[in-house]
């Protein structure tokens, strides 16, 4: 069992299950299944732009908060998760940068309130090696992260990259 299950203190009973895959060879096929409504909905995230699982947890909290207040910026809770990982307020740009592309080699998959059979079905569709979430930082493209979040060298001397990104995600509505 390599997946991780995150819980939300402010939302008792709600969970977010994460699974990380590297060396994926069928990202194009996975993207094609996103539109298949007969399958359980998941958030497919480009793992190269996520440096720490805490950032997904933070984005998940923001998505659940938006859902509970009836103020989703996107059409679904899982799309809201991807939107909230980004530092921009532009939905299309967020999905383009942080969602998977046909060329993705590492995929972070997330699902709220995931059932075991849903996760098993997902794992059978992704052709790649499932690895522990602790490998996330090793798969990250720090140059791309710095570019997308507009991180400066001066800022990174004062705090870690993960802290700087968490600030961007948390303060997104204020910027």
N, C-alpha and C. Protein backbone atom coordinates (compact mmCIF):
# COMPACT_ATOMS: atom_id res chain seq x y z
N UNK A 1 0.84 -1.18 0.00
CA UNK A 1 0.00 0.00 0.00
C UNK A 1 0.89 1.24 0.00
N UNK A 2 1.09 1.81 -1.17
CA UNK A 2 1.96 2.96 -1.32
C UNK A 2 1.21 4.29 -1.27
N UNK A 3 -0.11 4.23 -1.43
CA UNK A 3 -0.89 5.47 -1.42
C UNK A 3 -0.96 6.04 0.00
N UNK A 4 -1.27 7.33 0.08
CA UNK A 4 -1.41 8.02 1.37
C UNK A 4 -2.82 8.57 1.47
N UNK A 5 -3.37 8.55 2.66
CA UNK A 5 -4.69 9.09 2.90
C UNK A 5 -4.56 10.28 3.86
N UNK A 6 -4.97 11.44 3.37
CA UNK A 6 -4.92 12.66 4.18
C UNK A 6 -6.30 12.92 4.77
N UNK A 7 -6.33 13.41 5.99
CA UNK A 7 -7.59 13.75 6.64
C UNK A 7 -7.64 15.25 6.89
N UNK A 8 -8.85 15.75 7.08
CA UNK A 8 -9.06 17.17 7.28
C UNK A 8 -9.79 17.39 8.60
N UNK A 9 -9.12 18.01 9.54
CA UNK A 9 -9.70 18.24 10.86
C UNK A 9 -10.98 19.08 10.78
N UNK A 10 -11.00 20.05 9.90
CA UNK A 10 -12.16 20.93 9.77
C UNK A 10 -13.32 20.26 9.03
N UNK A 11 -13.05 19.14 8.37
CA UNK A 11 -14.07 18.40 7.62
C UNK A 11 -14.04 16.94 8.05
N UNK A 12 -14.61 16.64 9.22
CA UNK A 12 -14.58 15.26 9.73
C UNK A 12 -15.20 14.28 8.74
N UNK A 13 -14.53 13.15 8.56
CA UNK A 13 -15.03 12.13 7.66
C UNK A 13 -14.59 12.29 6.22
N UNK A 14 -14.04 13.43 5.86
CA UNK A 14 -13.56 13.65 4.49
C UNK A 14 -12.08 13.28 4.42
N UNK A 15 -11.71 12.60 3.36
CA UNK A 15 -10.32 12.20 3.15
C UNK A 15 -9.88 12.54 1.74
N UNK A 16 -8.58 12.57 1.54
CA UNK A 16 -7.99 12.76 0.22
C UNK A 16 -6.91 11.70 0.06
N UNK A 17 -7.12 10.80 -0.87
CA UNK A 17 -6.17 9.72 -1.12
C UNK A 17 -5.24 10.14 -2.25
N UNK A 18 -3.93 9.96 -2.03
CA UNK A 18 -2.91 10.32 -3.02
C UNK A 18 -2.11 9.09 -3.42
N UNK A 19 -1.83 8.96 -4.71
CA UNK A 19 -0.97 7.90 -5.22
C UNK A 19 -0.02 8.53 -6.24
N UNK A 20 1.25 8.17 -6.16
CA UNK A 20 2.28 8.75 -7.02
C UNK A 20 2.84 7.68 -7.95
N UNK A 21 2.92 8.03 -9.23
CA UNK A 21 3.45 7.11 -10.24
C UNK A 21 4.59 7.80 -10.98
N UNK A 22 5.67 7.06 -11.22
CA UNK A 22 6.77 7.60 -12.02
C UNK A 22 6.98 6.70 -13.23
N UNK A 23 7.75 7.22 -14.19
CA UNK A 23 8.04 6.49 -15.43
C UNK A 23 6.76 6.04 -16.14
N UNK A 24 5.78 6.92 -16.17
CA UNK A 24 4.50 6.61 -16.82
C UNK A 24 4.67 6.64 -18.34
N UNK A 25 4.04 5.69 -18.99
CA UNK A 25 4.17 5.60 -20.45
C UNK A 25 2.84 5.85 -21.17
N UNK A 26 1.75 6.00 -20.43
CA UNK A 26 0.45 6.16 -21.08
C UNK A 26 -0.32 7.39 -20.61
N UNK A 27 0.37 8.48 -20.38
CA UNK A 27 -0.30 9.71 -19.92
C UNK A 27 -1.37 10.15 -20.92
N UNK A 28 -1.11 9.97 -22.19
CA UNK A 28 -2.10 10.36 -23.21
C UNK A 28 -3.39 9.56 -23.04
N UNK A 29 -3.27 8.26 -22.79
CA UNK A 29 -4.45 7.41 -22.58
C UNK A 29 -5.18 7.78 -21.29
N UNK A 30 -4.41 8.09 -20.26
CA UNK A 30 -5.01 8.49 -18.98
C UNK A 30 -5.80 9.78 -19.16
N UNK A 31 -5.23 10.73 -19.90
CA UNK A 31 -5.95 11.99 -20.16
C UNK A 31 -7.25 11.73 -20.90
N UNK A 32 -7.26 10.76 -21.79
CA UNK A 32 -8.47 10.44 -22.55
C UNK A 32 -9.57 9.90 -21.64
N UNK A 33 -9.20 9.22 -20.56
CA UNK A 33 -10.21 8.66 -19.64
C UNK A 33 -10.80 9.72 -18.71
N UNK A 34 -10.19 10.89 -18.65
CA UNK A 34 -10.70 11.94 -17.76
C UNK A 34 -12.13 12.31 -18.13
N UNK A 35 -12.44 12.29 -19.37
CA UNK A 35 -13.77 12.67 -19.83
C UNK A 35 -14.79 11.53 -19.75
N UNK A 36 -14.33 10.33 -19.40
CA UNK A 36 -15.21 9.17 -19.30
C UNK A 36 -16.00 9.24 -18.00
N UNK A 37 -17.28 9.56 -18.10
CA UNK A 37 -18.10 9.75 -16.90
C UNK A 37 -18.45 8.45 -16.19
N UNK A 38 -18.17 7.31 -16.81
CA UNK A 38 -18.47 6.04 -16.15
C UNK A 38 -17.40 5.68 -15.11
N UNK A 39 -16.29 6.39 -15.12
CA UNK A 39 -15.21 6.13 -14.18
C UNK A 39 -15.28 7.14 -13.04
N UNK A 40 -14.79 6.74 -11.87
CA UNK A 40 -14.74 7.65 -10.74
C UNK A 40 -13.83 8.82 -11.08
N UNK A 41 -14.20 9.99 -10.61
CA UNK A 41 -13.41 11.19 -10.90
C UNK A 41 -12.18 11.25 -10.00
N UNK A 42 -11.06 11.55 -10.59
CA UNK A 42 -9.79 11.74 -9.88
C UNK A 42 -9.19 13.06 -10.35
N UNK A 43 -8.28 13.59 -9.56
CA UNK A 43 -7.48 14.73 -9.99
C UNK A 43 -6.14 14.16 -10.43
N UNK A 44 -5.77 14.42 -11.68
CA UNK A 44 -4.49 13.96 -12.24
C UNK A 44 -3.57 15.16 -12.29
N UNK A 45 -2.53 15.12 -11.48
CA UNK A 45 -1.64 16.27 -11.30
C UNK A 45 -0.25 15.92 -11.82
N UNK A 46 0.35 16.88 -12.53
CA UNK A 46 1.73 16.72 -12.99
C UNK A 46 2.63 16.77 -11.77
N UNK A 47 3.19 15.64 -11.39
CA UNK A 47 4.00 15.55 -10.17
C UNK A 47 5.27 16.40 -10.25
N UNK A 48 5.69 16.78 -11.44
CA UNK A 48 6.90 17.59 -11.59
C UNK A 48 6.73 19.00 -11.01
N UNK A 49 5.49 19.43 -10.79
CA UNK A 49 5.28 20.79 -10.27
C UNK A 49 4.77 20.80 -8.84
N UNK A 50 4.88 19.67 -8.15
CA UNK A 50 4.49 19.60 -6.73
C UNK A 50 5.69 19.09 -5.96
N UNK A 51 6.16 19.89 -5.01
CA UNK A 51 7.38 19.53 -4.29
C UNK A 51 7.13 18.85 -2.96
N UNK A 52 5.91 18.98 -2.43
CA UNK A 52 5.63 18.44 -1.10
C UNK A 52 4.16 18.05 -0.99
N UNK A 53 3.85 16.91 -0.37
CA UNK A 53 2.45 16.50 -0.22
C UNK A 53 1.62 17.49 0.59
N UNK A 54 2.26 18.25 1.47
CA UNK A 54 1.53 19.25 2.26
C UNK A 54 0.81 20.25 1.36
N UNK A 55 1.40 20.55 0.21
CA UNK A 55 0.79 21.51 -0.70
C UNK A 55 -0.52 20.98 -1.27
N UNK A 56 -0.59 19.67 -1.51
CA UNK A 56 -1.83 19.06 -1.99
C UNK A 56 -2.86 19.06 -0.86
N UNK A 57 -2.39 18.82 0.36
CA UNK A 57 -3.28 18.86 1.52
C UNK A 57 -3.88 20.26 1.68
N UNK A 58 -3.06 21.28 1.55
CA UNK A 58 -3.51 22.67 1.64
C UNK A 58 -4.52 22.98 0.53
N UNK A 59 -4.21 22.57 -0.69
CA UNK A 59 -5.12 22.78 -1.81
C UNK A 59 -6.43 22.00 -1.61
N UNK A 60 -6.33 20.82 -1.02
CA UNK A 60 -7.52 20.02 -0.73
C UNK A 60 -8.41 20.72 0.29
N UNK A 61 -7.81 21.30 1.29
CA UNK A 61 -8.57 22.05 2.30
C UNK A 61 -9.30 23.22 1.63
N UNK A 62 -8.59 23.93 0.77
CA UNK A 62 -9.20 25.08 0.08
C UNK A 62 -10.35 24.60 -0.82
N UNK A 63 -10.19 23.46 -1.47
CA UNK A 63 -11.24 22.93 -2.35
C UNK A 63 -12.48 22.54 -1.53
N UNK A 64 -12.27 21.88 -0.39
CA UNK A 64 -13.40 21.49 0.46
C UNK A 64 -14.10 22.72 1.04
N UNK A 65 -13.32 23.74 1.37
CA UNK A 65 -13.91 24.99 1.87
C UNK A 65 -14.77 25.64 0.80
N UNK A 66 -14.27 25.67 -0.43
CA UNK A 66 -15.05 26.25 -1.53
C UNK A 66 -16.32 25.46 -1.77
N UNK A 67 -16.21 24.14 -1.72
CA UNK A 67 -17.40 23.30 -1.94
C UNK A 67 -18.44 23.53 -0.84
N UNK A 68 -17.99 23.58 0.41
CA UNK A 68 -18.94 23.71 1.52
C UNK A 68 -19.63 25.07 1.53
N UNK A 69 -18.98 26.08 0.97
CA UNK A 69 -19.60 27.41 0.91
C UNK A 69 -20.33 27.65 -0.41
N UNK A 70 -20.31 26.65 -1.30
CA UNK A 70 -20.98 26.78 -2.59
C UNK A 70 -20.29 27.74 -3.54
N UNK A 71 -18.97 27.86 -3.41
CA UNK A 71 -18.23 28.82 -4.22
C UNK A 71 -17.08 28.17 -5.00
N UNK A 72 -17.36 27.07 -5.64
CA UNK A 72 -16.34 26.44 -6.48
C UNK A 72 -16.04 27.35 -7.66
N UNK A 73 -14.78 27.48 -8.00
CA UNK A 73 -14.36 28.25 -9.17
C UNK A 73 -14.35 27.39 -10.43
N UNK A 74 -14.47 26.07 -10.25
CA UNK A 74 -14.44 25.12 -11.35
C UNK A 74 -15.71 24.27 -11.31
N UNK A 75 -15.80 23.31 -12.22
CA UNK A 75 -17.02 22.50 -12.32
C UNK A 75 -17.08 21.34 -11.35
N UNK A 76 -15.93 20.92 -10.79
CA UNK A 76 -15.94 19.77 -9.89
C UNK A 76 -14.92 19.96 -8.77
N UNK A 77 -15.09 19.18 -7.73
CA UNK A 77 -14.20 19.25 -6.57
C UNK A 77 -12.77 18.87 -6.94
N UNK A 78 -12.61 17.89 -7.82
CA UNK A 78 -11.26 17.45 -8.18
C UNK A 78 -10.55 18.45 -9.10
N UNK A 79 -11.30 19.11 -9.94
CA UNK A 79 -10.72 20.17 -10.76
C UNK A 79 -10.36 21.36 -9.87
N UNK A 80 -11.18 21.59 -8.86
CA UNK A 80 -10.90 22.66 -7.89
C UNK A 80 -9.59 22.39 -7.15
N UNK A 81 -9.31 21.13 -6.88
CA UNK A 81 -8.06 20.76 -6.22
C UNK A 81 -6.87 21.18 -7.09
N UNK A 82 -6.92 20.85 -8.37
CA UNK A 82 -5.83 21.23 -9.27
C UNK A 82 -5.72 22.75 -9.36
N UNK A 83 -6.85 23.41 -9.47
CA UNK A 83 -6.86 24.88 -9.52
C UNK A 83 -6.21 25.48 -8.27
N UNK A 84 -6.51 24.92 -7.11
CA UNK A 84 -5.99 25.47 -5.86
C UNK A 84 -4.52 25.17 -5.62
N UNK A 85 -3.95 24.22 -6.31
CA UNK A 85 -2.51 23.97 -6.19
C UNK A 85 -1.72 25.09 -6.86
N UNK A 86 -2.31 25.69 -7.86
CA UNK A 86 -1.59 26.73 -8.61
C UNK A 86 -1.56 28.05 -7.85
N UNK A 87 -0.69 28.91 -8.29
CA UNK A 87 -0.58 30.24 -7.68
C UNK A 87 -1.36 31.30 -8.45
N UNK A 88 -2.00 30.90 -9.53
CA UNK A 88 -2.72 31.86 -10.36
C UNK A 88 -4.22 31.74 -10.14
N UNK A 89 -4.94 32.81 -10.45
CA UNK A 89 -6.39 32.81 -10.35
C UNK A 89 -7.06 32.42 -11.66
N UNK A 90 -6.29 32.10 -12.68
CA UNK A 90 -6.81 31.73 -13.98
C UNK A 90 -7.00 30.22 -14.06
N UNK A 91 -8.25 29.78 -14.15
CA UNK A 91 -8.57 28.37 -14.12
C UNK A 91 -7.90 27.62 -15.27
N UNK A 92 -8.07 28.09 -16.48
CA UNK A 92 -7.51 27.39 -17.65
C UNK A 92 -5.99 27.28 -17.54
N UNK A 93 -5.35 28.33 -17.12
CA UNK A 93 -3.88 28.31 -16.97
C UNK A 93 -3.46 27.33 -15.87
N UNK A 94 -4.21 27.29 -14.80
CA UNK A 94 -3.93 26.36 -13.70
C UNK A 94 -4.01 24.92 -14.17
N UNK A 95 -5.07 24.60 -14.91
CA UNK A 95 -5.25 23.23 -15.38
C UNK A 95 -4.18 22.85 -16.40
N UNK A 96 -3.79 23.81 -17.22
CA UNK A 96 -2.76 23.56 -18.24
C UNK A 96 -1.40 23.30 -17.59
N UNK A 97 -1.06 24.08 -16.58
CA UNK A 97 0.25 23.95 -15.94
C UNK A 97 0.33 22.78 -14.95
N UNK A 98 -0.74 22.54 -14.21
CA UNK A 98 -0.67 21.59 -13.11
C UNK A 98 -1.38 20.27 -13.39
N UNK A 99 -2.23 20.24 -14.40
CA UNK A 99 -2.82 18.98 -14.82
C UNK A 99 -1.81 18.20 -15.65
N UNK A 100 -2.14 16.96 -15.99
CA UNK A 100 -1.18 16.17 -16.76
C UNK A 100 -1.27 16.52 -18.25
N UNK A 101 -0.16 16.30 -18.92
CA UNK A 101 -0.08 16.46 -20.37
C UNK A 101 0.18 15.08 -20.97
N UNK A 102 0.15 15.01 -22.28
CA UNK A 102 0.41 13.73 -22.96
C UNK A 102 1.83 13.23 -22.71
N UNK A 103 2.74 14.15 -22.38
CA UNK A 103 4.14 13.80 -22.20
C UNK A 103 4.54 13.57 -20.74
N UNK A 104 3.62 13.67 -19.81
CA UNK A 104 3.94 13.52 -18.38
C UNK A 104 4.57 12.16 -18.09
N UNK A 105 5.64 12.18 -17.34
CA UNK A 105 6.30 10.94 -16.94
C UNK A 105 6.03 10.60 -15.48
N UNK A 106 5.60 11.59 -14.70
CA UNK A 106 5.25 11.35 -13.29
C UNK A 106 3.88 11.97 -13.02
N UNK A 107 3.00 11.17 -12.42
CA UNK A 107 1.62 11.59 -12.19
C UNK A 107 1.27 11.40 -10.72
N UNK A 108 0.74 12.46 -10.14
CA UNK A 108 0.20 12.39 -8.78
C UNK A 108 -1.31 12.35 -8.92
N UNK A 109 -1.92 11.30 -8.42
CA UNK A 109 -3.36 11.12 -8.54
C UNK A 109 -3.99 11.35 -7.18
N UNK A 110 -5.11 12.09 -7.16
CA UNK A 110 -5.79 12.39 -5.90
C UNK A 110 -7.28 12.15 -6.07
N UNK A 111 -7.91 11.67 -5.00
CA UNK A 111 -9.37 11.48 -5.00
C UNK A 111 -9.90 11.71 -3.59
N UNK A 112 -10.92 12.54 -3.51
CA UNK A 112 -11.60 12.75 -2.24
C UNK A 112 -12.46 11.53 -1.94
N UNK A 113 -12.44 11.09 -0.68
CA UNK A 113 -13.30 10.02 -0.19
C UNK A 113 -13.23 8.78 -1.08
N UNK A 114 -12.02 8.37 -1.38
CA UNK A 114 -11.77 7.26 -2.31
C UNK A 114 -12.08 5.91 -1.68
N UNK A 115 -12.73 5.06 -2.46
CA UNK A 115 -12.99 3.69 -2.06
C UNK A 115 -11.88 2.80 -2.61
N UNK A 116 -11.62 1.71 -1.93
CA UNK A 116 -10.52 0.81 -2.32
C UNK A 116 -10.66 0.34 -3.76
N UNK A 117 -11.87 -0.02 -4.16
CA UNK A 117 -12.07 -0.55 -5.52
C UNK A 117 -11.85 0.53 -6.59
N UNK A 118 -12.15 1.79 -6.26
CA UNK A 118 -11.90 2.89 -7.20
C UNK A 118 -10.40 3.07 -7.42
N UNK A 119 -9.65 2.98 -6.32
CA UNK A 119 -8.20 3.13 -6.41
C UNK A 119 -7.59 1.95 -7.16
N UNK A 120 -8.09 0.76 -6.93
CA UNK A 120 -7.59 -0.42 -7.64
C UNK A 120 -7.84 -0.29 -9.14
N UNK A 121 -9.02 0.19 -9.52
CA UNK A 121 -9.33 0.39 -10.94
C UNK A 121 -8.40 1.43 -11.56
N UNK A 122 -8.12 2.48 -10.81
CA UNK A 122 -7.21 3.52 -11.31
C UNK A 122 -5.81 2.95 -11.53
N UNK A 123 -5.32 2.21 -10.54
CA UNK A 123 -3.96 1.66 -10.63
C UNK A 123 -3.80 0.74 -11.83
N UNK A 124 -4.88 0.06 -12.21
CA UNK A 124 -4.79 -0.84 -13.36
C UNK A 124 -4.73 -0.06 -14.68
N UNK A 125 -5.13 1.20 -14.68
CA UNK A 125 -5.12 2.02 -15.89
C UNK A 125 -3.80 2.75 -16.12
N UNK A 126 -3.03 2.99 -15.09
CA UNK A 126 -1.79 3.76 -15.24
C UNK A 126 -0.62 2.81 -15.42
N UNK A 127 0.10 3.00 -16.53
CA UNK A 127 1.28 2.19 -16.81
C UNK A 127 2.50 2.96 -16.32
N UNK A 128 2.88 2.67 -15.11
CA UNK A 128 4.01 3.31 -14.48
C UNK A 128 4.26 2.66 -13.14
N UNK A 129 5.37 3.00 -12.53
CA UNK A 129 5.73 2.42 -11.24
C UNK A 129 5.15 3.27 -10.12
N UNK A 130 4.34 2.65 -9.26
CA UNK A 130 3.83 3.38 -8.11
C UNK A 130 4.94 3.47 -7.07
N UNK A 131 5.16 4.67 -6.56
CA UNK A 131 6.22 4.91 -5.58
C UNK A 131 5.63 5.63 -4.38
N UNK A 132 6.32 5.57 -3.23
CA UNK A 132 5.83 6.28 -2.05
C UNK A 132 5.82 7.80 -2.27
N UNK A 133 4.95 8.48 -1.57
CA UNK A 133 4.83 9.93 -1.68
C UNK A 133 6.12 10.64 -1.26
N UNK A 134 6.97 9.97 -0.51
CA UNK A 134 8.24 10.57 -0.11
C UNK A 134 9.15 10.82 -1.31
N UNK A 135 8.86 10.22 -2.46
CA UNK A 135 9.64 10.43 -3.68
C UNK A 135 9.23 11.69 -4.43
N UNK A 136 8.20 12.38 -3.96
CA UNK A 136 7.67 13.53 -4.69
C UNK A 136 8.72 14.60 -4.94
N UNK A 137 9.50 14.96 -3.95
CA UNK A 137 10.52 16.01 -4.11
C UNK A 137 11.56 15.62 -5.15
N UNK A 138 11.90 14.34 -5.23
CA UNK A 138 12.89 13.87 -6.20
C UNK A 138 12.37 13.97 -7.63
N UNK A 139 11.06 13.91 -7.80
CA UNK A 139 10.46 13.98 -9.14
C UNK A 139 10.15 15.42 -9.56
N UNK A 140 10.28 16.35 -8.63
CA UNK A 140 9.92 17.75 -8.90
C UNK A 140 10.94 18.43 -9.81
N UNK A 141 10.45 19.31 -10.66
CA UNK A 141 11.27 20.14 -11.53
C UNK A 141 11.32 21.53 -10.89
N UNK A 142 12.37 21.80 -10.11
CA UNK A 142 12.42 23.04 -9.33
C UNK A 142 12.44 24.29 -10.21
N UNK A 143 13.03 24.21 -11.39
CA UNK A 143 13.03 25.36 -12.29
C UNK A 143 11.62 25.70 -12.75
N UNK A 144 10.84 24.68 -13.04
CA UNK A 144 9.46 24.88 -13.45
C UNK A 144 8.62 25.41 -12.28
N UNK A 145 8.84 24.88 -11.10
CA UNK A 145 8.14 25.36 -9.90
C UNK A 145 8.46 26.82 -9.65
N UNK A 146 9.74 27.18 -9.73
CA UNK A 146 10.15 28.57 -9.53
C UNK A 146 9.49 29.49 -10.56
N UNK A 147 9.40 29.01 -11.78
CA UNK A 147 8.79 29.80 -12.86
C UNK A 147 7.29 29.98 -12.63
N UNK A 148 6.58 28.89 -12.36
CA UNK A 148 5.13 28.95 -12.21
C UNK A 148 4.69 29.76 -10.99
N UNK A 149 5.45 29.67 -9.91
CA UNK A 149 5.09 30.40 -8.69
C UNK A 149 5.81 31.74 -8.56
N UNK A 150 6.65 32.06 -9.55
CA UNK A 150 7.42 33.31 -9.56
C UNK A 150 8.25 33.47 -8.28
N UNK A 151 8.99 32.42 -7.94
CA UNK A 151 9.84 32.43 -6.76
C UNK A 151 11.18 33.08 -7.10
N UNK A 152 11.66 33.92 -6.21
CA UNK A 152 12.93 34.61 -6.43
C UNK A 152 14.04 33.97 -5.58
N UNK A 153 15.28 34.21 -5.98
CA UNK A 153 16.42 33.68 -5.22
C UNK A 153 16.46 34.28 -3.82
N UNK A 154 16.13 35.54 -3.72
CA UNK A 154 16.11 36.20 -2.41
C UNK A 154 15.07 35.55 -1.49
N UNK A 155 13.92 35.25 -2.04
CA UNK A 155 12.88 34.62 -1.24
C UNK A 155 13.31 33.22 -0.79
N UNK A 156 13.97 32.48 -1.68
CA UNK A 156 14.39 31.13 -1.36
C UNK A 156 15.57 31.09 -0.37
N UNK A 157 16.23 32.21 -0.19
CA UNK A 157 17.27 32.29 0.84
C UNK A 157 16.64 32.46 2.22
N UNK A 158 15.43 33.02 2.26
CA UNK A 158 14.76 33.28 3.53
C UNK A 158 13.87 32.13 3.98
N UNK A 159 13.37 31.32 3.04
CA UNK A 159 12.48 30.21 3.39
C UNK A 159 12.61 29.09 2.36
N UNK A 160 12.10 27.95 2.71
CA UNK A 160 12.19 26.80 1.80
C UNK A 160 11.25 27.00 0.61
N UNK A 161 11.51 26.28 -0.45
CA UNK A 161 10.67 26.34 -1.65
C UNK A 161 9.24 25.91 -1.31
N UNK A 162 9.09 24.85 -0.52
CA UNK A 162 7.76 24.38 -0.14
C UNK A 162 7.02 25.44 0.66
N UNK A 163 7.70 26.14 1.56
CA UNK A 163 7.06 27.21 2.34
C UNK A 163 6.64 28.36 1.44
N UNK A 164 7.48 28.70 0.47
CA UNK A 164 7.15 29.80 -0.44
C UNK A 164 5.93 29.45 -1.29
N UNK A 165 5.85 28.20 -1.74
CA UNK A 165 4.71 27.76 -2.53
C UNK A 165 3.45 27.71 -1.67
N UNK A 166 3.58 27.23 -0.44
CA UNK A 166 2.43 27.18 0.48
C UNK A 166 1.88 28.58 0.72
N UNK A 167 2.77 29.55 0.83
CA UNK A 167 2.32 30.94 0.99
C UNK A 167 1.52 31.39 -0.23
N UNK A 168 1.99 31.05 -1.43
CA UNK A 168 1.29 31.43 -2.66
C UNK A 168 -0.11 30.80 -2.72
N UNK A 169 -0.18 29.53 -2.33
CA UNK A 169 -1.47 28.83 -2.36
C UNK A 169 -2.41 29.42 -1.31
N UNK A 170 -1.92 29.64 -0.11
CA UNK A 170 -2.74 30.15 0.97
C UNK A 170 -3.23 31.57 0.76
N UNK A 171 -2.39 32.37 0.11
CA UNK A 171 -2.71 33.78 -0.07
C UNK A 171 -3.26 34.09 -1.46
N UNK A 172 -3.60 33.06 -2.20
CA UNK A 172 -4.04 33.23 -3.60
C UNK A 172 -5.17 34.24 -3.75
N UNK A 173 -6.14 34.19 -2.88
CA UNK A 173 -7.28 35.09 -2.98
C UNK A 173 -6.95 36.53 -2.60
N UNK A 174 -5.84 36.70 -1.90
CA UNK A 174 -5.46 38.05 -1.44
C UNK A 174 -4.54 38.77 -2.43
N UNK A 175 -3.90 38.01 -3.29
CA UNK A 175 -2.90 38.61 -4.20
C UNK A 175 -3.54 39.13 -5.45
